[in-house]
C-alpha atoms as a PDB file:
ATOM      1  CA  MET A   1     -49.592 -18.490  16.881  1.00  0.00           C
ATOM      2  CA  PRO A   2     -50.496 -19.167  13.277  1.00  0.00           C
ATOM      3  CA  ASP A   3     -47.853 -20.349  10.864  1.00  0.00           C
ATOM      4  CA  TYR A   4     -46.665 -17.460   8.758  1.00  0.00           C
ATOM      5  CA  GLU A   5     -45.562 -18.417   5.324  1.00  0.00           C
ATOM      6  CA  ALA A   6     -43.382 -15.808   3.657  1.00  0.00           C
ATOM      7  CA  PRO A   7     -44.083 -15.275   0.014  1.00  0.00           C
ATOM      8  CA  GLY A   8     -41.278 -17.043  -1.810  1.00  0.00           C
ATOM      9  CA  LEU A   9     -39.739 -15.999  -5.033  1.00  0.00           C
ATOM     10  CA  VAL A  10     -38.657 -19.549  -5.767  1.00  0.00           C
ATOM     11  CA  GLU A  11     -40.856 -22.584  -5.660  1.00  0.00           C
ATOM     12  CA  LYS A  12     -40.101 -25.142  -3.035  1.00  0.00           C
ATOM     13  CA  ALA A  13     -38.435 -28.243  -4.370  1.00  0.00           C
ATOM     14  CA  THR A  14     -40.744 -31.184  -4.014  1.00  0.00           C
ATOM     15  CA  ALA A  15     -38.390 -33.687  -5.567  1.00  0.00           C
ATOM     16  CA  ALA A  16     -34.632 -34.100  -5.688  1.00  0.00           C
ATOM     17  CA  GLN A  17     -32.967 -31.903  -8.237  1.00  0.00           C
ATOM     18  CA  HIS A  18     -30.287 -33.587 -10.278  1.00  0.00           C
ATOM     19  CA  PHE A  19     -27.307 -32.080 -12.011  1.00  0.00           C
ATOM     20  CA  THR A  20     -27.564 -32.126 -15.756  1.00  0.00           C
ATOM     21  CA  PRO A  21     -24.215 -31.947 -17.523  1.00  0.00           C
ATOM     22  CA  PRO A  22     -23.844 -29.240 -20.158  1.00  0.00           C
ATOM     23  CA  SER A  23     -24.435 -30.276 -23.713  1.00  0.00           C
ATOM     24  CA  PRO A  24     -21.575 -30.241 -26.234  1.00  0.00           C
ATOM     25  CA  ARG A  25     -23.017 -27.064 -27.693  1.00  0.00           C
ATOM     26  CA  GLU A  26     -22.942 -25.323 -24.275  1.00  0.00           C
ATOM     27  CA  ARG A  27     -19.373 -26.505 -23.637  1.00  0.00           C
ATOM     28  CA  ARG A  28     -18.279 -25.181 -27.039  1.00  0.00           C
ATOM     29  CA  ALA A  29     -19.965 -21.845 -26.347  1.00  0.00           C
ATOM     30  CA  GLN A  30     -18.182 -21.611 -22.974  1.00  0.00           C
ATOM     31  CA  ALA A  31     -14.844 -22.427 -24.596  1.00  0.00           C
ATOM     32  CA  VAL A  32     -15.366 -19.777 -27.288  1.00  0.00           C
ATOM     33  CA  GLN A  33     -16.338 -17.219 -24.654  1.00  0.00           C
ATOM     34  CA  ARG A  34     -13.204 -17.983 -22.620  1.00  0.00           C
ATOM     35  CA  LEU A  35     -11.023 -17.708 -25.732  1.00  0.00           C
ATOM     36  CA  GLN A  36     -12.592 -14.372 -26.644  1.00  0.00           C
ATOM     37  CA  LEU A  37     -12.063 -13.021 -23.154  1.00  0.00           C
ATOM     38  CA  GLY A  38      -8.430 -14.181 -23.096  1.00  0.00           C
ATOM     39  CA  LEU A  39      -7.666 -12.727 -26.519  1.00  0.00           C
ATOM     40  CA  PHE A  40      -9.289  -9.401 -25.686  1.00  0.00           C
ATOM     41  CA  GLY A  41      -7.313  -9.318 -22.427  1.00  0.00           C
ATOM     42  CA  LEU A  42      -4.048  -9.953 -24.269  1.00  0.00           C
ATOM     43  CA  ALA A  43      -4.902  -7.287 -26.847  1.00  0.00           C
ATOM     44  CA  ALA A  44      -5.677  -4.781 -24.067  1.00  0.00           C
ATOM     45  CA  MET A  45      -2.351  -5.499 -22.340  1.00  0.00           C
ATOM     46  CA  LEU A  46      -0.519  -5.132 -25.651  1.00  0.00           C
ATOM     47  CA  LEU A  47      -2.163  -1.759 -26.252  1.00  0.00           C
ATOM     48  CA  ILE A  48      -1.321  -0.572 -22.722  1.00  0.00           C
ATOM     49  CA  VAL A  49       2.335  -1.577 -23.098  1.00  0.00           C
ATOM     50  CA  ALA A  50       2.532   0.066 -26.526  1.00  0.00           C
ATOM     51  CA  LEU A  51       1.020   3.280 -25.163  1.00  0.00           C
ATOM     52  CA  ALA A  52       3.474   3.289 -22.248  1.00  0.00           C
ATOM     53  CA  ASN A  53       6.346   2.762 -24.696  1.00  0.00           C
ATOM     54  CA  ILE A  54       5.187   5.693 -26.837  1.00  0.00           C
ATOM     55  CA  ILE A  55       4.901   7.934 -23.768  1.00  0.00           C
ATOM     56  CA  MET A  56       8.380   6.970 -22.563  1.00  0.00           C
ATOM     57  CA  ASP A  57       9.888   7.591 -26.022  1.00  0.00           C
ATOM     58  CA  ARG A  58       8.285  11.033 -26.227  1.00  0.00           C
ATOM     59  CA  ALA A  59       9.473  11.893 -22.716  1.00  0.00           C
ATOM     60  CA  ARG A  60      13.000  10.755 -23.570  1.00  0.00           C
ATOM     61  CA  LEU A  61      13.013  12.882 -26.746  1.00  0.00           C
ATOM     62  CA  ALA A  62      11.672  15.910 -24.903  1.00  0.00           C
ATOM     63  CA  ASP A  63      14.243  15.461 -22.140  1.00  0.00           C
ATOM     64  CA  SER A  64      17.153  15.180 -24.571  1.00  0.00           C
ATOM     65  CA  ALA A  65      15.950  18.226 -26.534  1.00  0.00           C
ATOM     66  CA  GLN A  66      15.525  20.235 -23.358  1.00  0.00           C
ATOM     67  CA  SER A  67      18.882  19.245 -21.880  1.00  0.00           C
ATOM     68  CA  ALA A  68      20.680  20.257 -25.080  1.00  0.00           C
ATOM     69  CA  GLY A  69      19.668  23.894 -24.509  1.00  0.00           C
ATOM     70  CA  LEU A  70      20.484  24.054 -20.799  1.00  0.00           C
ATOM     71  CA  VAL A  71      23.666  25.302 -19.170  1.00  0.00           C
ATOM     72  CA  PRO A  72      25.549  22.592 -17.273  1.00  0.00           C
ATOM     73  CA  VAL A  73      25.323  22.769 -13.501  1.00  0.00           C
ATOM     74  CA  SER A  74      29.095  23.129 -13.044  1.00  0.00           C
ATOM     75  CA  SER A  75      29.188  26.383 -15.054  1.00  0.00           C
ATOM     76  CA  ARG A  76      26.449  28.032 -13.030  1.00  0.00           C
ATOM     77  CA  VAL A  77      27.483  30.566 -10.470  1.00  0.00           C
ATOM     78  CA  ALA A  78      26.564  29.162  -7.097  1.00  0.00           C
ATOM     79  CA  SER A  79      26.652  31.526  -4.195  1.00  0.00           C
ATOM     80  CA  SER A  80      27.350  30.085  -0.801  1.00  0.00           C
ATOM     81  CA  THR A  81      25.146  32.701   0.844  1.00  0.00           C
ATOM     82  CA  SER A  82      22.075  31.697  -1.124  1.00  0.00           C
ATOM     83  CA  ASP A  83      19.083  30.991   1.074  1.00  0.00           C
ATOM     84  CA  PRO A  84      16.359  28.944  -0.654  1.00  0.00           C
ATOM     85  CA  LEU A  85      13.627  30.271   1.626  1.00  0.00           C
ATOM     86  CA  ALA A  86      14.662  33.845   0.892  1.00  0.00           C
ATOM     87  CA  ASP A  87      14.728  33.071  -2.834  1.00  0.00           C
ATOM     88  CA  ILE A  88      11.069  32.077  -2.835  1.00  0.00           C
ATOM     89  CA  GLY A  89      10.088  34.925  -0.492  1.00  0.00           C
ATOM     90  CA  VAL A  90       9.184  32.996   2.648  1.00  0.00           C
ATOM     91  CA  VAL A  91      11.712  34.799   4.852  1.00  0.00           C
ATOM     92  CA  PRO A  92      13.400  38.170   4.347  1.00  0.00           C
ATOM     93  CA  ALA A  93      16.601  38.121   2.345  1.00  0.00           C
ATOM     94  CA  PRO A  94      19.721  38.220   4.511  1.00  0.00           C
ATOM     95  CA  ASN A  95      21.751  41.390   4.348  1.00  0.00           C
ATOM     96  CA  VAL A  96      25.085  40.508   2.776  1.00  0.00           C
ATOM     97  CA  ALA A  97      26.884  43.495   4.323  1.00  0.00           C
ATOM     98  CA  ALA A  98      25.576  42.677   7.797  1.00  0.00           C
ATOM     99  CA  SER A  99      26.528  39.028   7.547  1.00  0.00           C
ATOM    100  CA  SER A 100      30.105  39.830   6.459  1.00  0.00           C
ATOM    101  CA  HIS A 101      31.100  41.642   9.622  1.00  0.00           C
ATOM    102  CA  THR A 102      31.136  39.907  12.973  1.00  0.00           C
ATOM    103  CA  PRO A 103      28.961  41.319  15.704  1.00  0.00           C
ATOM    104  CA  THR A 104      30.736  42.806  18.683  1.00  0.00           C
ATOM    105  CA  PRO A 105      29.861  41.284  22.042  1.00  0.00           C
ATOM    106  CA  ARG A 106      27.931  43.557  24.335  1.00  0.00           C
ATOM    107  CA  ALA A 107      28.602  43.919  27.947  1.00  0.00           C
ATOM    108  CA  THR A 108      25.814  42.521  30.024  1.00  0.00           C
ATOM    109  CA  PRO A 109      24.793  44.510  33.061  1.00  0.00           C
ATOM    110  CA  GLN A 110      25.614  42.855  36.330  1.00  0.00           C
ATOM    111  CA  HIS A 111      23.216  43.158  39.191  1.00  0.00           C
END
């Protein structure tokens, strides 16, 4: 079987490759890039917190303005026969007159 040599994208290393330390200019560029990234990250977090604060303030103002015009819960007339499912139309409304009287027991036929 003949040796198949796959076409390589990278040349084979014929000699040992040594690590070359970055130059002072490269280190300075890396430091500046890290500082820029950190500062932009802090600025983004500051903007997010400020936006959240503005949203919460607006919600608080809207809630206080809305609650000023509402009737307190204690003054509302609450009926004990209210059925939430009947209110939204899922089940038929109970007949108030039929629920006020007690049903009479029927005699069951005995066999």
